[in-house]
Amino acid sequence: ADKAQLDAFATLLPEDQLEVLHYLAEGFGPEDV
């Protein structure tokens, strides 16, 4: 539901996929990501 919850998953997720999700959560568009 929010970025705080994404942070709770941070140590569990694959690095490249986590970075994609962080970029999207910060408001960057899919093309930029």
PDB file of all heavy atoms in Angstrom:
ATOM      1  N   ALA A   1       0.815  -1.219   0.000  1.00  0.00           N
ATOM      2  CA  ALA A   1       0.000   0.000   0.000  1.00  0.00           C
ATOM      3  C   ALA A   1       0.845   1.264   0.000  1.00  0.00           C
ATOM      4  O   ALA A   1       0.368   2.323  -0.416  1.00  0.00           O
ATOM      5  CB  ALA A   1      -0.923   0.015   1.217  1.00  0.00           C
ATOM      6  N   ASP A   2       2.111   1.194   0.454  1.00  0.00           N
ATOM      7  CA  ASP A   2       2.927   2.412   0.507  1.00  0.00           C
ATOM      8  C   ASP A   2       4.412   2.034   0.487  1.00  0.00           C
ATOM      9  O   ASP A   2       4.782   0.860   0.525  1.00  0.00           O
ATOM     10  CB  ASP A   2       2.596   3.252   1.745  1.00  0.00           C
ATOM     11  CG  ASP A   2       2.687   2.455   3.046  1.00  0.00           C
ATOM     12  OD1 ASP A   2       3.614   1.623   3.169  1.00  0.00           O
ATOM     13  OD2 ASP A   2       1.835   2.651   3.920  1.00  0.00           O
ATOM     14  N   LYS A   3       5.249   3.069   0.445  1.00  0.00           N
ATOM     15  CA  LYS A   3       6.689   2.855   0.350  1.00  0.00           C
ATOM     16  C   LYS A   3       7.264   2.232   1.623  1.00  0.00           C
ATOM     17  O   LYS A   3       8.256   1.505   1.565  1.00  0.00           O
ATOM     18  CB  LYS A   3       7.390   4.180   0.032  1.00  0.00           C
ATOM     19  CG  LYS A   3       7.145   4.670  -1.381  1.00  0.00           C
ATOM     20  CD  LYS A   3       8.014   5.859  -1.734  1.00  0.00           C
ATOM     21  CE  LYS A   3       7.481   7.125  -1.129  1.00  0.00           C
ATOM     22  NZ  LYS A   3       8.195   8.330  -1.612  1.00  0.00           N
ATOM     23  N   ALA A   4       6.658   2.523   2.773  1.00  0.00           N
ATOM     24  CA  ALA A   4       7.141   1.914   4.017  1.00  0.00           C
ATOM     25  C   ALA A   4       7.004   0.398   3.968  1.00  0.00           C
ATOM     26  O   ALA A   4       7.877  -0.334   4.443  1.00  0.00           O
ATOM     27  CB  ALA A   4       6.371   2.485   5.206  1.00  0.00           C
ATOM     28  N   GLN A   5       5.914  -0.083   3.379  1.00  0.00           N
ATOM     29  CA  GLN A   5       5.739  -1.528   3.249  1.00  0.00           C
ATOM     30  C   GLN A   5       6.754  -2.111   2.263  1.00  0.00           C
ATOM     31  O   GLN A   5       7.260  -3.220   2.469  1.00  0.00           O
ATOM     32  CB  GLN A   5       4.311  -1.838   2.814  1.00  0.00           C
ATOM     33  CG  GLN A   5       3.266  -1.542   3.875  1.00  0.00           C
ATOM     34  CD  GLN A   5       1.867  -1.931   3.443  1.00  0.00           C
ATOM     35  OE1 GLN A   5       1.633  -2.277   2.288  1.00  0.00           O
ATOM     36  NE2 GLN A   5       0.920  -1.860   4.368  1.00  0.00           N
ATOM     37  N   LEU A   6       7.036  -1.373   1.207  1.00  0.00           N
ATOM     38  CA  LEU A   6       8.072  -1.829   0.270  1.00  0.00           C
ATOM     39  C   LEU A   6       9.407  -1.966   0.989  1.00  0.00           C
ATOM     40  O   LEU A   6      10.151  -2.936   0.770  1.00  0.00           O
ATOM     41  CB  LEU A   6       8.182  -0.864  -0.907  1.00  0.00           C
ATOM     42  CG  LEU A   6       9.301  -1.145  -1.918  1.00  0.00           C
ATOM     43  CD1 LEU A   6       9.150  -2.533  -2.542  1.00  0.00           C
ATOM     44  CD2 LEU A   6       9.308  -0.076  -3.009  1.00  0.00           C
ATOM     45  N   ASP A   7       9.718  -1.004   1.866  1.00  0.00           N
ATOM     46  CA  ASP A   7      10.967  -1.076   2.621  1.00  0.00           C
ATOM     47  C   ASP A   7      11.010  -2.318   3.509  1.00  0.00           C
ATOM     48  O   ASP A   7      12.082  -2.871   3.765  1.00  0.00           O
ATOM     49  CB  ASP A   7      11.135   0.182   3.480  1.00  0.00           C
ATOM     50  CG  ASP A   7      11.458   1.417   2.652  1.00  0.00           C
ATOM     51  OD1 ASP A   7      11.929   1.251   1.511  1.00  0.00           O
ATOM     52  OD2 ASP A   7      11.222   2.541   3.137  1.00  0.00           O
ATOM     53  N   ALA A   8       9.848  -2.756   3.986  1.00  0.00           N
ATOM     54  CA  ALA A   8       9.810  -3.955   4.826  1.00  0.00           C
ATOM     55  C   ALA A   8      10.209  -5.198   4.051  1.00  0.00           C
ATOM     56  O   ALA A   8      10.696  -6.177   4.624  1.00  0.00           O
ATOM     57  CB  ALA A   8       8.406  -4.129   5.417  1.00  0.00           C
ATOM     58  N   PHE A   9      10.017  -5.171   2.732  1.00  0.00           N
ATOM     59  CA  PHE A   9      10.385  -6.300   1.875  1.00  0.00           C
ATOM     60  C   PHE A   9      11.826  -6.185   1.362  1.00  0.00           C
ATOM     61  O   PHE A   9      12.316  -7.102   0.695  1.00  0.00           O
ATOM     62  CB  PHE A   9       9.449  -6.359   0.662  1.00  0.00           C
ATOM     63  CG  PHE A   9       8.149  -7.074   0.923  1.00  0.00           C
ATOM     64  CD1 PHE A   9       7.052  -6.394   1.413  1.00  0.00           C
ATOM     65  CD2 PHE A   9       8.025  -8.430   0.677  1.00  0.00           C
ATOM     66  CE1 PHE A   9       5.850  -7.042   1.646  1.00  0.00           C
ATOM     67  CE2 PHE A   9       6.823  -9.095   0.913  1.00  0.00           C
ATOM     68  CZ  PHE A   9       5.735  -8.392   1.393  1.00  0.00           C
ATOM     69  N   ALA A  10      12.491  -5.058   1.630  1.00  0.00           N
ATOM     70  CA  ALA A  10      13.737  -4.735   0.929  1.00  0.00           C
ATOM     71  C   ALA A  10      14.806  -5.812   1.051  1.00  0.00           C
ATOM     72  O   ALA A  10      15.504  -6.114   0.077  1.00  0.00           O
ATOM     73  CB  ALA A  10      14.274  -3.395   1.430  1.00  0.00           C
ATOM     74  N   THR A  11      14.964  -6.399   2.243  1.00  0.00           N
ATOM     75  CA  THR A  11      16.040  -7.384   2.427  1.00  0.00           C
ATOM     76  C   THR A  11      15.687  -8.750   1.845  1.00  0.00           C
ATOM     77  O   THR A  11      16.540  -9.631   1.807  1.00  0.00           O
ATOM     78  CB  THR A  11      16.371  -7.551   3.921  1.00  0.00           C
ATOM     79  OG1 THR A  11      15.188  -7.966   4.613  1.00  0.00           O
ATOM     80  CG2 THR A  11      16.859  -6.237   4.511  1.00  0.00           C
ATOM     81  N   LEU A  12      14.445  -8.911   1.388  1.00  0.00           N
ATOM     82  CA  LEU A  12      13.996 -10.211   0.894  1.00  0.00           C
ATOM     83  C   LEU A  12      14.005 -10.295  -0.625  1.00  0.00           C
ATOM     84  O   LEU A  12      14.083 -11.391  -1.187  1.00  0.00           O
ATOM     85  CB  LEU A  12      12.567 -10.503   1.389  1.00  0.00           C
ATOM     86  CG  LEU A  12      12.286 -10.281   2.881  1.00  0.00           C
ATOM     87  CD1 LEU A  12      10.817 -10.574   3.174  1.00  0.00           C
ATOM     88  CD2 LEU A  12      13.202 -11.136   3.727  1.00  0.00           C
ATOM     89  N   LEU A  13      13.924  -9.145  -1.305  1.00  0.00           N
ATOM     90  CA  LEU A  13      13.712  -9.135  -2.750  1.00  0.00           C
ATOM     91  C   LEU A  13      15.017  -9.173  -3.533  1.00  0.00           C
ATOM     92  O   LEU A  13      16.055  -8.691  -3.056  1.00  0.00           O
ATOM     93  CB  LEU A  13      12.928  -7.885  -3.148  1.00  0.00           C
ATOM     94  CG  LEU A  13      11.523  -7.741  -2.564  1.00  0.00           C
ATOM     95  CD1 LEU A  13      10.915  -6.409  -2.993  1.00  0.00           C
ATOM     96  CD2 LEU A  13      10.633  -8.890  -3.004  1.00  0.00           C
ATOM     97  N   PRO A  14      14.990  -9.680  -4.762  1.00  0.00           N
ATOM     98  CA  PRO A  14      16.158  -9.624  -5.632  1.00  0.00           C
ATOM     99  C   PRO A  14      16.537  -8.163  -5.917  1.00  0.00           C
ATOM    100  O   PRO A  14      15.661  -7.297  -6.056  1.00  0.00           O
ATOM    101  CB  PRO A  14      15.693 -10.331  -6.916  1.00  0.00           C
ATOM    102  CG  PRO A  14      14.521 -11.160  -6.495  1.00  0.00           C
ATOM    103  CD  PRO A  14      13.865 -10.415  -5.386  1.00  0.00           C
ATOM    104  N   GLU A  15      17.826  -7.900  -6.006  1.00  0.00           N
ATOM    105  CA  GLU A  15      18.320  -6.521  -6.080  1.00  0.00           C
ATOM    106  C   GLU A  15      17.759  -5.748  -7.271  1.00  0.00           C
ATOM    107  O   GLU A  15      17.260  -4.624  -7.122  1.00  0.00           O
ATOM    108  CB  GLU A  15      19.846  -6.519  -6.133  1.00  0.00           C
ATOM    109  CG  GLU A  15      20.448  -5.132  -6.173  1.00  0.00           C
ATOM    110  CD  GLU A  15      21.956  -5.156  -6.046  1.00  0.00           C
ATOM    111  OE1 GLU A  15      22.460  -5.876  -5.167  1.00  0.00           O
ATOM    112  OE2 GLU A  15      22.620  -4.464  -6.822  1.00  0.00           O
ATOM    113  N   ASP A  16      17.848  -6.307  -8.494  1.00  0.00           N
ATOM    114  CA  ASP A  16      17.377  -5.575  -9.666  1.00  0.00           C
ATOM    115  C   ASP A  16      15.873  -5.311  -9.591  1.00  0.00           C
ATOM    116  O   ASP A  16      15.398  -4.227  -9.950  1.00  0.00           O
ATOM    117  CB  ASP A  16      17.703  -6.348 -10.950  1.00  0.00           C
ATOM    118  CG  ASP A  16      19.184  -6.325 -11.277  1.00  0.00           C
ATOM    119  OD1 ASP A  16      19.927  -5.592 -10.591  1.00  0.00           O
ATOM    120  OD2 ASP A  16      19.607  -7.039 -12.203  1.00  0.00           O
ATOM    121  N   GLN A  17      15.115  -6.299  -9.115  1.00  0.00           N
ATOM    122  CA  GLN A  17      13.673  -6.125  -9.020  1.00  0.00           C
ATOM    123  C   GLN A  17      13.311  -5.110  -7.938  1.00  0.00           C
ATOM    124  O   GLN A  17      12.387  -4.300  -8.107  1.00  0.00           O
ATOM    125  CB  GLN A  17      12.994  -7.468  -8.755  1.00  0.00           C
ATOM    126  CG  GLN A  17      13.205  -8.481  -9.883  1.00  0.00           C
ATOM    127  CD  GLN A  17      12.378  -9.743  -9.702  1.00  0.00           C
ATOM    128  OE1 GLN A  17      11.172  -9.657  -9.523  1.00  0.00           O
ATOM    129  NE2 GLN A  17      13.021 -10.899  -9.750  1.00  0.00           N
ATOM    130  N   LEU A  18      14.039  -5.128  -6.831  1.00  0.00           N
ATOM    131  CA  LEU A  18      13.802  -4.148  -5.778  1.00  0.00           C
ATOM    132  C   LEU A  18      14.049  -2.736  -6.295  1.00  0.00           C
ATOM    133  O   LEU A  18      13.272  -1.812  -6.022  1.00  0.00           O
ATOM    134  CB  LEU A  18      14.712  -4.438  -4.584  1.00  0.00           C
ATOM    135  CG  LEU A  18      14.687  -3.403  -3.459  1.00  0.00           C
ATOM    136  CD1 LEU A  18      13.308  -3.335  -2.819  1.00  0.00           C
ATOM    137  CD2 LEU A  18      15.752  -3.723  -2.407  1.00  0.00           C
ATOM    138  N   GLU A  19      15.130  -2.564  -7.064  1.00  0.00           N
ATOM    139  CA  GLU A  19      15.426  -1.224  -7.572  1.00  0.00           C
ATOM    140  C   GLU A  19      14.347  -0.757  -8.543  1.00  0.00           C
ATOM    141  O   GLU A  19      13.955   0.415  -8.542  1.00  0.00           O
ATOM    142  CB  GLU A  19      16.800  -1.198  -8.240  1.00  0.00           C
ATOM    143  CG  GLU A  19      17.257   0.209  -8.543  1.00  0.00           C
ATOM    144  CD  GLU A  19      18.703   0.286  -8.995  1.00  0.00           C
ATOM    145  OE1 GLU A  19      19.394  -0.748  -8.975  1.00  0.00           O
ATOM    146  OE2 GLU A  19      19.131   1.380  -9.375  1.00  0.00           O
ATOM    147  N   VAL A  20      13.842  -1.643  -9.373  1.00  0.00           N
ATOM    148  CA  VAL A  20      12.737  -1.291 -10.270  1.00  0.00           C
ATOM    149  C   VAL A  20      11.542  -0.795  -9.457  1.00  0.00           C
ATOM    150  O   VAL A  20      10.940   0.250  -9.764  1.00  0.00           O
ATOM    151  CB  VAL A  20      12.341  -2.508 -11.138  1.00  0.00           C
ATOM    152  CG1 VAL A  20      10.957  -2.300 -11.752  1.00  0.00           C
ATOM    153  CG2 VAL A  20      13.367  -2.726 -12.242  1.00  0.00           C
ATOM    154  N   LEU A  21      11.178  -1.518  -8.424  1.00  0.00           N
ATOM    155  CA  LEU A  21      10.027  -1.141  -7.613  1.00  0.00           C
ATOM    156  C   LEU A  21      10.260   0.169  -6.874  1.00  0.00           C
ATOM    157  O   LEU A  21       9.346   0.997  -6.741  1.00  0.00           O
ATOM    158  CB  LEU A  21       9.698  -2.258  -6.621  1.00  0.00           C
ATOM    159  CG  LEU A  21       9.240  -3.586  -7.247  1.00  0.00           C
ATOM    160  CD1 LEU A  21       9.015  -4.635  -6.159  1.00  0.00           C
ATOM    161  CD2 LEU A  21       7.973  -3.393  -8.078  1.00  0.00           C
ATOM    162  N   HIS A  22      11.485   0.384  -6.411  1.00  0.00           N
ATOM    163  CA  HIS A  22      11.786   1.647  -5.735  1.00  0.00           C
ATOM    164  C   HIS A  22      11.649   2.828  -6.709  1.00  0.00           C
ATOM    165  O   HIS A  22      11.103   3.876  -6.346  1.00  0.00           O
ATOM    166  CB  HIS A  22      13.191   1.611  -5.143  1.00  0.00           C
ATOM    167  CG  HIS A  22      13.252   1.019  -3.766  1.00  0.00           C
ATOM    168  ND1 HIS A  22      12.418   1.407  -2.754  1.00  0.00           N
ATOM    169  CD2 HIS A  22      14.058   0.057  -3.240  1.00  0.00           C
ATOM    170  CE1 HIS A  22      12.692   0.728  -1.652  1.00  0.00           C
ATOM    171  NE2 HIS A  22      13.680  -0.101  -1.926  1.00  0.00           N
ATOM    172  N   TYR A  23      12.157   2.688  -7.909  1.00  0.00           N
ATOM    173  CA  TYR A  23      12.041   3.757  -8.895  1.00  0.00           C
ATOM    174  C   TYR A  23      10.571   4.058  -9.182  1.00  0.00           C
ATOM    175  O   TYR A  23      10.148   5.228  -9.221  1.00  0.00           O
ATOM    176  CB  TYR A  23      12.750   3.362 -10.184  1.00  0.00           C
ATOM    177  CG  TYR A  23      14.193   3.799 -10.270  1.00  0.00           C
ATOM    178  CD1 TYR A  23      15.130   3.376  -9.330  1.00  0.00           C
ATOM    179  CD2 TYR A  23      14.634   4.615 -11.297  1.00  0.00           C
ATOM    180  CE1 TYR A  23      16.451   3.759  -9.406  1.00  0.00           C
ATOM    181  CE2 TYR A  23      15.962   5.009 -11.384  1.00  0.00           C
ATOM    182  CZ  TYR A  23      16.869   4.571 -10.434  1.00  0.00           C
ATOM    183  OH  TYR A  23      18.174   4.967 -10.514  1.00  0.00           O
ATOM    184  N   LEU A  24       9.780   3.023  -9.400  1.00  0.00           N
ATOM    185  CA  LEU A  24       8.359   3.224  -9.673  1.00  0.00           C
ATOM    186  C   LEU A  24       7.671   3.893  -8.483  1.00  0.00           C
ATOM    187  O   LEU A  24       6.825   4.782  -8.656  1.00  0.00           O
ATOM    188  CB  LEU A  24       7.687   1.891  -9.989  1.00  0.00           C
ATOM    189  CG  LEU A  24       8.110   1.204 -11.301  1.00  0.00           C
ATOM    190  CD1 LEU A  24       7.526  -0.197 -11.368  1.00  0.00           C
ATOM    191  CD2 LEU A  24       7.688   2.018 -12.523  1.00  0.00           C
ATOM    192  N   ALA A  25       8.034   3.482  -7.281  1.00  0.00           N
ATOM    193  CA  ALA A  25       7.429   4.059  -6.085  1.00  0.00           C
ATOM    194  C   ALA A  25       7.774   5.531  -5.916  1.00  0.00           C
ATOM    195  O   ALA A  25       7.008   6.298  -5.319  1.00  0.00           O
ATOM    196  CB  ALA A  25       7.869   3.273  -4.842  1.00  0.00           C
ATOM    197  N   GLU A  26       8.925   5.952  -6.430  1.00  0.00           N
ATOM    198  CA  GLU A  26       9.330   7.357  -6.349  1.00  0.00           C
ATOM    199  C   GLU A  26       8.686   8.202  -7.439  1.00  0.00           C
ATOM    200  O   GLU A  26       8.917   9.409  -7.510  1.00  0.00           O
ATOM    201  CB  GLU A  26      10.858   7.476  -6.433  1.00  0.00           C
ATOM    202  CG  GLU A  26      11.596   6.916  -5.236  1.00  0.00           C
ATOM    203  CD  GLU A  26      11.372   7.727  -3.966  1.00  0.00           C
ATOM    204  OE1 GLU A  26      10.907   8.872  -4.076  1.00  0.00           O
ATOM    205  OE2 GLU A  26      11.645   7.199  -2.872  1.00  0.00           O
ATOM    206  N   GLY A  27       7.892   7.585  -8.304  1.00  0.00           N
ATOM    207  CA  GLY A  27       7.177   8.352  -9.318  1.00  0.00           C
ATOM    208  C   GLY A  27       7.805   8.359 -10.693  1.00  0.00           C
ATOM    209  O   GLY A  27       7.313   9.045 -11.596  1.00  0.00           O
ATOM    210  N   PHE A  28       8.886   7.605 -10.891  1.00  0.00           N
ATOM    211  CA  PHE A  28       9.499   7.532 -12.217  1.00  0.00           C
ATOM    212  C   PHE A  28       8.638   6.649 -13.125  1.00  0.00           C
ATOM    213  O   PHE A  28       8.092   5.637 -12.699  1.00  0.00           O
ATOM    214  CB  PHE A  28      10.920   6.968 -12.133  1.00  0.00           C
ATOM    215  CG  PHE A  28      11.874   7.869 -11.404  1.00  0.00           C
ATOM    216  CD1 PHE A  28      12.149   7.671 -10.062  1.00  0.00           C
ATOM    217  CD2 PHE A  28      12.493   8.927 -12.056  1.00  0.00           C
ATOM    218  CE1 PHE A  28      13.016   8.507  -9.374  1.00  0.00           C
ATOM    219  CE2 PHE A  28      13.370   9.766 -11.381  1.00  0.00           C
ATOM    220  CZ  PHE A  28      13.626   9.560 -10.040  1.00  0.00           C
ATOM    221  N   GLY A  29       8.516   7.042 -14.399  1.00  0.00           N
ATOM    222  CA  GLY A  29       7.725   6.274 -15.340  1.00  0.00           C
ATOM    223  C   GLY A  29       8.417   4.998 -15.772  1.00  0.00           C
ATOM    224  O   GLY A  29       9.644   4.869 -15.669  1.00  0.00           O
ATOM    225  N   PRO A  30       7.652   4.017 -16.283  1.00  0.00           N
ATOM    226  CA  PRO A  30       8.251   2.749 -16.721  1.00  0.00           C
ATOM    227  C   PRO A  30       9.353   2.927 -17.765  1.00  0.00           C
ATOM    228  O   PRO A  30      10.345   2.183 -17.752  1.00  0.00           O
ATOM    229  CB  PRO A  30       7.052   1.985 -17.289  1.00  0.00           C
ATOM    230  CG  PRO A  30       5.869   2.542 -16.565  1.00  0.00           C
ATOM    231  CD  PRO A  30       6.187   3.987 -16.363  1.00  0.00           C
ATOM    232  N   GLU A  31       9.193   3.905 -18.660  1.00  0.00           N
ATOM    233  CA  GLU A  31      10.227   4.117 -19.686  1.00  0.00           C
ATOM    234  C   GLU A  31      11.536   4.549 -19.040  1.00  0.00           C
ATOM    235  O   GLU A  31      12.623   4.084 -19.423  1.00  0.00           O
ATOM    236  CB  GLU A  31       9.766   5.167 -20.705  1.00  0.00           C
ATOM    237  CG  GLU A  31       8.549   4.753 -21.523  1.00  0.00           C
ATOM    238  CD  GLU A  31       7.242   4.990 -20.758  1.00  0.00           C
ATOM    239  OE1 GLU A  31       7.280   5.569 -19.639  1.00  0.00           O
ATOM    240  OE2 GLU A  31       6.190   4.581 -21.266  1.00  0.00           O
ATOM    241  N   ASP A  32      11.453   5.482 -18.065  1.00  0.00           N
ATOM    242  CA  ASP A  32      12.655   5.925 -17.365  1.00  0.00           C
ATOM    243  C   ASP A  32      13.296   4.776 -16.597  1.00  0.00           C
ATOM    244  O   ASP A  32      14.521   4.628 -16.565  1.00  0.00           O
ATOM    245  CB  ASP A  32      12.323   7.060 -16.394  1.00  0.00           C
ATOM    246  CG  ASP A  32      11.881   8.329 -17.101  1.00  0.00           C
ATOM    247  OD1 ASP A  32      12.300   8.540 -18.252  1.00  0.00           O
ATOM    248  OD2 ASP A  32      11.098   9.096 -16.496  1.00  0.00           O
ATOM    249  N   VAL A  33      12.469   3.953 -15.961  1.00  0.00           N
ATOM    250  CA  VAL A  33      12.995   2.836 -15.183  1.00  0.00           C
ATOM    251  C   VAL A  33      13.683   1.822 -16.098  1.00  0.00           C
ATOM    252  O   VAL A  33      14.757   1.308 -15.776  1.00  0.00           O
ATOM    253  CB  VAL A  33      11.865   2.163 -14.375  1.00  0.00           C
ATOM    254  CG1 VAL A  33      12.404   0.961 -13.613  1.00  0.00           C
ATOM    255  CG2 VAL A  33      11.235   3.150 -13.410  1.00  0.00           C
TER     256      VAL A  33
END
